[in-house]
Amino acid sequence: NGFEDAAAGKSTSDTFISQGADILFPVAG
């Protein structure tokens, strides 16, 4: 819900990593 919050981007990415993702594709500026 935004393009500025890198901390939210990191926590979201950490969640996906914990689910087994090894490549991330952020579309969020």
PDB file of all heavy atoms in Angstrom:
ATOM      1  N   ASN A   1       0.802  -1.226   0.000  1.00  0.00           N
ATOM      2  CA  ASN A   1       0.000   0.000   0.000  1.00  0.00           C
ATOM      3  C   ASN A   1       0.831   1.271   0.000  1.00  0.00           C
ATOM      4  O   ASN A   1       0.489   2.260   0.650  1.00  0.00           O
ATOM      5  CB  ASN A   1      -0.980   0.003   1.185  1.00  0.00           C
ATOM      6  CG  ASN A   1      -1.952  -1.153   1.117  1.00  0.00           C
ATOM      7  OD1 ASN A   1      -2.484  -1.452   0.056  1.00  0.00           O
ATOM      8  ND2 ASN A   1      -2.163  -1.832   2.234  1.00  0.00           N
ATOM      9  N   GLY A   2       1.922   1.260  -0.742  1.00  0.00           N
ATOM     10  CA  GLY A   2       2.744   2.457  -0.888  1.00  0.00           C
ATOM     11  C   GLY A   2       4.036   2.130  -1.604  1.00  0.00           C
ATOM     12  O   GLY A   2       4.347   0.967  -1.865  1.00  0.00           O
ATOM     13  N   PHE A   3       4.802   3.186  -1.896  1.00  0.00           N
ATOM     14  CA  PHE A   3       6.054   3.013  -2.630  1.00  0.00           C
ATOM     15  C   PHE A   3       7.271   3.526  -1.861  1.00  0.00           C
ATOM     16  O   PHE A   3       8.369   3.576  -2.413  1.00  0.00           O
ATOM     17  CB  PHE A   3       5.980   3.750  -3.970  1.00  0.00           C
ATOM     18  CG  PHE A   3       4.961   3.176  -4.915  1.00  0.00           C
ATOM     19  CD1 PHE A   3       3.736   3.800  -5.086  1.00  0.00           C
ATOM     20  CD2 PHE A   3       5.218   2.016  -5.624  1.00  0.00           C
ATOM     21  CE1 PHE A   3       2.787   3.278  -5.967  1.00  0.00           C
ATOM     22  CE2 PHE A   3       4.279   1.487  -6.498  1.00  0.00           C
ATOM     23  CZ  PHE A   3       3.067   2.115  -6.669  1.00  0.00           C
ATOM     24  N   GLU A   4       7.085   3.890  -0.598  1.00  0.00           N
ATOM     25  CA  GLU A   4       8.193   4.499   0.133  1.00  0.00           C
ATOM     26  C   GLU A   4       8.714   3.667   1.294  1.00  0.00           C
ATOM     27  O   GLU A   4       9.840   3.869   1.734  1.00  0.00           O
ATOM     28  CB  GLU A   4       7.763   5.864   0.707  1.00  0.00           C
ATOM     29  CG  GLU A   4       7.384   6.895  -0.329  1.00  0.00           C
ATOM     30  CD  GLU A   4       5.947   6.729  -0.797  1.00  0.00           C
ATOM     31  OE1 GLU A   4       5.056   6.523   0.046  1.00  0.00           O
ATOM     32  OE2 GLU A   4       5.727   6.772  -2.015  1.00  0.00           O
ATOM     33  N   ASP A   5       7.929   2.726   1.793  1.00  0.00           N
ATOM     34  CA  ASP A   5       8.260   2.045   3.048  1.00  0.00           C
ATOM     35  C   ASP A   5       9.153   0.829   2.800  1.00  0.00           C
ATOM     36  O   ASP A   5       8.675  -0.294   2.646  1.00  0.00           O
ATOM     37  CB  ASP A   5       6.964   1.624   3.753  1.00  0.00           C
ATOM     38  CG  ASP A   5       7.199   1.183   5.189  1.00  0.00           C
ATOM     39  OD1 ASP A   5       8.370   0.946   5.569  1.00  0.00           O
ATOM     40  OD2 ASP A   5       6.210   1.071   5.937  1.00  0.00           O
ATOM     41  N   ALA A   6      10.460   1.070   2.786  1.00  0.00           N
ATOM     42  CA  ALA A   6      11.403  -0.027   2.557  1.00  0.00           C
ATOM     43  C   ALA A   6      11.371  -1.039   3.690  1.00  0.00           C
ATOM     44  O   ALA A   6      11.636  -2.228   3.472  1.00  0.00           O
ATOM     45  CB  ALA A   6      12.813   0.525   2.384  1.00  0.00           C
ATOM     46  N   ALA A   7      11.042  -0.588   4.919  1.00  0.00           N
ATOM     47  CA  ALA A   7      10.958  -1.525   6.051  1.00  0.00           C
ATOM     48  C   ALA A   7       9.824  -2.523   5.831  1.00  0.00           C
ATOM     49  O   ALA A   7       9.975  -3.727   6.088  1.00  0.00           O
ATOM     50  CB  ALA A   7      10.747  -0.762   7.354  1.00  0.00           C
ATOM     51  N   ALA A   8       8.685  -2.030   5.325  1.00  0.00           N
ATOM     52  CA  ALA A   8       7.577  -2.942   5.010  1.00  0.00           C
ATOM     53  C   ALA A   8       7.964  -3.873   3.870  1.00  0.00           C
ATOM     54  O   ALA A   8       7.601  -5.054   3.863  1.00  0.00           O
ATOM     55  CB  ALA A   8       6.326  -2.146   4.644  1.00  0.00           C
ATOM     56  N   GLY A   9       8.727  -3.351   2.921  1.00  0.00           N
ATOM     57  CA  GLY A   9       9.203  -4.185   1.838  1.00  0.00           C
ATOM     58  C   GLY A   9      10.117  -5.284   2.324  1.00  0.00           C
ATOM     59  O   GLY A   9      10.061  -6.423   1.835  1.00  0.00           O
ATOM     60  N   LYS A  10      10.948  -4.964   3.304  1.00  0.00           N
ATOM     61  CA  LYS A  10      11.847  -5.984   3.841  1.00  0.00           C
ATOM     62  C   LYS A  10      11.083  -7.049   4.614  1.00  0.00           C
ATOM     63  O   LYS A  10      11.334  -8.256   4.450  1.00  0.00           O
ATOM     64  CB  LYS A  10      12.907  -5.361   4.743  1.00  0.00           C
ATOM     65  CG  LYS A  10      13.910  -6.403   5.268  1.00  0.00           C
ATOM     66  CD  LYS A  10      14.985  -5.778   6.120  1.00  0.00           C
ATOM     67  CE  LYS A  10      16.024  -6.834   6.514  1.00  0.00           C
ATOM     68  NZ  LYS A  10      15.464  -7.993   7.219  1.00  0.00           N
ATOM     69  N   SER A  11      10.147  -6.632   5.456  1.00  0.00           N
ATOM     70  CA  SER A  11       9.403  -7.621   6.238  1.00  0.00           C
ATOM     71  C   SER A  11       8.567  -8.527   5.330  1.00  0.00           C
ATOM     72  O   SER A  11       8.463  -9.737   5.580  1.00  0.00           O
ATOM     73  CB  SER A  11       8.510  -6.924   7.274  1.00  0.00           C
ATOM     74  OG  SER A  11       7.513  -6.134   6.652  1.00  0.00           O
ATOM     75  N   THR A  12       8.006  -7.944   4.270  1.00  0.00           N
ATOM     76  CA  THR A  12       7.252  -8.751   3.303  1.00  0.00           C
ATOM     77  C   THR A  12       8.175  -9.754   2.628  1.00  0.00           C
ATOM     78  O   THR A  12       7.835 -10.936   2.467  1.00  0.00           O
ATOM     79  CB  THR A  12       6.590  -7.845   2.254  1.00  0.00           C
ATOM     80  OG1 THR A  12       5.677  -6.958   2.915  1.00  0.00           O
ATOM     81  CG2 THR A  12       5.832  -8.656   1.219  1.00  0.00           C
ATOM     82  N   SER A  13       9.351  -9.296   2.252  1.00  0.00           N
ATOM     83  CA  SER A  13      10.320 -10.181   1.600  1.00  0.00           C
ATOM     84  C   SER A  13      10.810 -11.260   2.545  1.00  0.00           C
ATOM     85  O   SER A  13      10.963 -12.426   2.149  1.00  0.00           O
ATOM     86  CB  SER A  13      11.504  -9.351   1.089  1.00  0.00           C
ATOM     87  OG  SER A  13      11.073  -8.405   0.128  1.00  0.00           O
ATOM     88  N   ASP A  14      11.048 -10.891   3.800  1.00  0.00           N
ATOM     89  CA  ASP A  14      11.479 -11.885   4.790  1.00  0.00           C
ATOM     90  C   ASP A  14      10.441 -12.992   4.947  1.00  0.00           C
ATOM     91  O   ASP A  14      10.786 -14.178   5.107  1.00  0.00           O
ATOM     92  CB  ASP A  14      11.726 -11.213   6.148  1.00  0.00           C
ATOM     93  CG  ASP A  14      13.016 -10.403   6.180  1.00  0.00           C
ATOM     94  OD1 ASP A  14      13.918 -10.679   5.371  1.00  0.00           O
ATOM     95  OD2 ASP A  14      13.121  -9.493   7.032  1.00  0.00           O
ATOM     96  N   THR A  15       9.163 -12.610   4.882  1.00  0.00           N
ATOM     97  CA  THR A  15       8.097 -13.609   4.982  1.00  0.00           C
ATOM     98  C   THR A  15       8.158 -14.583   3.813  1.00  0.00           C
ATOM     99  O   THR A  15       8.063 -15.805   3.989  1.00  0.00           O
ATOM    100  CB  THR A  15       6.724 -12.929   5.028  1.00  0.00           C
ATOM    101  OG1 THR A  15       6.633 -12.117   6.207  1.00  0.00           O
ATOM    102  CG2 THR A  15       5.597 -13.954   5.044  1.00  0.00           C
ATOM    103  N   PHE A  16       8.342 -14.050   2.617  1.00  0.00           N
ATOM    104  CA  PHE A  16       8.428 -14.932   1.449  1.00  0.00           C
ATOM    105  C   PHE A  16       9.670 -15.825   1.514  1.00  0.00           C
ATOM    106  O   PHE A  16       9.616 -16.996   1.118  1.00  0.00           O
ATOM    107  CB  PHE A  16       8.430 -14.107   0.162  1.00  0.00           C
ATOM    108  CG  PHE A  16       7.075 -13.574  -0.219  1.00  0.00           C
ATOM    109  CD1 PHE A  16       6.907 -12.229  -0.555  1.00  0.00           C
ATOM    110  CD2 PHE A  16       5.968 -14.400  -0.265  1.00  0.00           C
ATOM    111  CE1 PHE A  16       5.663 -11.739  -0.921  1.00  0.00           C
ATOM    112  CE2 PHE A  16       4.712 -13.920  -0.629  1.00  0.00           C
ATOM    113  CZ  PHE A  16       4.564 -12.579  -0.956  1.00  0.00           C
ATOM    114  N   ILE A  17      10.762 -15.286   2.011  1.00  0.00           N
ATOM    115  CA  ILE A  17      11.978 -16.097   2.159  1.00  0.00           C
ATOM    116  C   ILE A  17      11.729 -17.243   3.133  1.00  0.00           C
ATOM    117  O   ILE A  17      12.145 -18.384   2.899  1.00  0.00           O
ATOM    118  CB  ILE A  17      13.156 -15.213   2.607  1.00  0.00           C
ATOM    119  CG1 ILE A  17      13.553 -14.246   1.489  1.00  0.00           C
ATOM    120  CG2 ILE A  17      14.361 -16.078   3.000  1.00  0.00           C
ATOM    121  CD1 ILE A  17      14.530 -13.170   1.906  1.00  0.00           C
ATOM    122  N   SER A  18      11.007 -16.935   4.219  1.00  0.00           N
ATOM    123  CA  SER A  18      10.712 -17.984   5.206  1.00  0.00           C
ATOM    124  C   SER A  18       9.814 -19.069   4.618  1.00  0.00           C
ATOM    125  O   SER A  18       9.794 -20.209   5.105  1.00  0.00           O
ATOM    126  CB  SER A  18      10.039 -17.372   6.441  1.00  0.00           C
ATOM    127  OG  SER A  18       8.708 -16.963   6.169  1.00  0.00           O
ATOM    128  N   GLN A  19       9.085 -18.714   3.544  1.00  0.00           N
ATOM    129  CA  GLN A  19       8.216 -19.685   2.875  1.00  0.00           C
ATOM    130  C   GLN A  19       8.945 -20.452   1.769  1.00  0.00           C
ATOM    131  O   GLN A  19       8.353 -21.275   1.081  1.00  0.00           O
ATOM    132  CB  GLN A  19       6.999 -18.967   2.294  1.00  0.00           C
ATOM    133  CG  GLN A  19       6.092 -18.369   3.366  1.00  0.00           C
ATOM    134  CD  GLN A  19       5.012 -17.468   2.793  1.00  0.00           C
ATOM    135  OE1 GLN A  19       4.956 -17.228   1.579  1.00  0.00           O
ATOM    136  NE2 GLN A  19       4.136 -16.949   3.644  1.00  0.00           N
ATOM    137  N   GLY A  20      10.232 -20.151   1.596  1.00  0.00           N
ATOM    138  CA  GLY A  20      11.048 -20.897   0.654  1.00  0.00           C
ATOM    139  C   GLY A  20      11.441 -20.176  -0.611  1.00  0.00           C
ATOM    140  O   GLY A  20      12.156 -20.745  -1.447  1.00  0.00           O
ATOM    141  N   ALA A  21      11.007 -18.931  -0.804  1.00  0.00           N
ATOM    142  CA  ALA A  21      11.367 -18.202  -2.021  1.00  0.00           C
ATOM    143  C   ALA A  21      12.848 -17.860  -2.017  1.00  0.00           C
ATOM    144  O   ALA A  21      13.377 -17.353  -1.019  1.00  0.00           O
ATOM    145  CB  ALA A  21      10.535 -16.931  -2.137  1.00  0.00           C
ATOM    146  N   ASP A  22      13.519 -18.128  -3.140  1.00  0.00           N
ATOM    147  CA  ASP A  22      14.938 -17.780  -3.216  1.00  0.00           C
ATOM    148  C   ASP A  22      15.225 -16.700  -4.258  1.00  0.00           C
ATOM    149  O   ASP A  22      16.373 -16.290  -4.416  1.00  0.00           O
ATOM    150  CB  ASP A  22      15.809 -19.018  -3.465  1.00  0.00           C
ATOM    151  CG  ASP A  22      15.532 -19.706  -4.799  1.00  0.00           C
ATOM    152  OD1 ASP A  22      14.526 -19.368  -5.452  1.00  0.00           O
ATOM    153  OD2 ASP A  22      16.326 -20.589  -5.172  1.00  0.00           O
ATOM    154  N   ILE A  23      14.180 -16.224  -4.953  1.00  0.00           N
ATOM    155  CA  ILE A  23      14.318 -15.077  -5.853  1.00  0.00           C
ATOM    156  C   ILE A  23      13.132 -14.155  -5.619  1.00  0.00           C
ATOM    157  O   ILE A  23      11.980 -14.608  -5.594  1.00  0.00           O
ATOM    158  CB  ILE A  23      14.382 -15.506  -7.327  1.00  0.00           C
ATOM    159  CG1 ILE A  23      15.634 -16.370  -7.570  1.00  0.00           C
ATOM    160  CG2 ILE A  23      14.401 -14.284  -8.241  1.00  0.00           C
ATOM    161  CD1 ILE A  23      15.743 -16.910  -8.983  1.00  0.00           C
ATOM    162  N   LEU A  24      13.405 -12.861  -5.435  1.00  0.00           N
ATOM    163  CA  LEU A  24      12.384 -11.859  -5.124  1.00  0.00           C
ATOM    164  C   LEU A  24      12.254 -10.875  -6.283  1.00  0.00           C
ATOM    165  O   LEU A  24      13.253 -10.466  -6.878  1.00  0.00           O
ATOM    166  CB  LEU A  24      12.765 -11.093  -3.852  1.00  0.00           C
ATOM    167  CG  LEU A  24      13.046 -11.924  -2.601  1.00  0.00           C
ATOM    168  CD1 LEU A  24      13.634 -11.039  -1.503  1.00  0.00           C
ATOM    169  CD2 LEU A  24      11.770 -12.609  -2.112  1.00  0.00           C
ATOM    170  N   PHE A  25      11.014 -10.489  -6.570  1.00  0.00           N
ATOM    171  CA  PHE A  25      10.725  -9.564  -7.662  1.00  0.00           C
ATOM    172  C   PHE A  25       9.828  -8.449  -7.123  1.00  0.00           C
ATOM    173  O   PHE A  25       8.606  -8.490  -7.265  1.00  0.00           O
ATOM    174  CB  PHE A  25      10.042 -10.317  -8.805  1.00  0.00           C
ATOM    175  CG  PHE A  25       9.798  -9.511 -10.058  1.00  0.00           C
ATOM    176  CD1 PHE A  25      10.842  -8.932 -10.761  1.00  0.00           C
ATOM    177  CD2 PHE A  25       8.503  -9.365 -10.560  1.00  0.00           C
ATOM    178  CE1 PHE A  25      10.603  -8.215 -11.934  1.00  0.00           C
ATOM    179  CE2 PHE A  25       8.255  -8.664 -11.729  1.00  0.00           C
ATOM    180  CZ  PHE A  25       9.309  -8.078 -12.422  1.00  0.00           C
ATOM    181  N   PRO A  26      10.416  -7.435  -6.469  1.00  0.00           N
ATOM    182  CA  PRO A  26       9.607  -6.344  -5.929  1.00  0.00           C
ATOM    183  C   PRO A  26       9.224  -5.348  -7.016  1.00  0.00           C
ATOM    184  O   PRO A  26      10.051  -4.972  -7.849  1.00  0.00           O
ATOM    185  CB  PRO A  26      10.549  -5.694  -4.907  1.00  0.00           C
ATOM    186  CG  PRO A  26      11.915  -5.904  -5.501  1.00  0.00           C
ATOM    187  CD  PRO A  26      11.854  -7.255  -6.187  1.00  0.00           C
ATOM    188  N   VAL A  27       7.969  -4.914  -7.025  1.00  0.00           N
ATOM    189  CA  VAL A  27       7.502  -3.915  -7.993  1.00  0.00           C
ATOM    190  C   VAL A  27       6.956  -2.752  -7.174  1.00  0.00           C
ATOM    191  O   VAL A  27       5.748  -2.582  -7.014  1.00  0.00           O
ATOM    192  CB  VAL A  27       6.422  -4.499  -8.928  1.00  0.00           C
ATOM    193  CG1 VAL A  27       6.151  -3.527 -10.080  1.00  0.00           C
ATOM    194  CG2 VAL A  27       6.850  -5.855  -9.482  1.00  0.00           C
ATOM    195  N   ALA A  28       7.853  -1.974  -6.618  1.00  0.00           N
ATOM    196  CA  ALA A  28       7.423  -1.010  -5.605  1.00  0.00           C
ATOM    197  C   ALA A  28       8.304   0.225  -5.510  1.00  0.00           C
ATOM    198  O   ALA A  28       8.354   0.863  -4.460  1.00  0.00           O
ATOM    199  CB  ALA A  28       7.377  -1.696  -4.245  1.00  0.00           C
ATOM    200  N   GLY A  29       9.003   0.591  -6.585  1.00  0.00           N
ATOM    201  CA  GLY A  29       9.844   1.773  -6.526  1.00  0.00           C
ATOM    202  C   GLY A  29      10.847   1.675  -5.395  1.00  0.00           C
ATOM    203  O   GLY A  29      11.432   0.608  -5.154  1.00  0.00           O
TER     204      GLY A  29
END
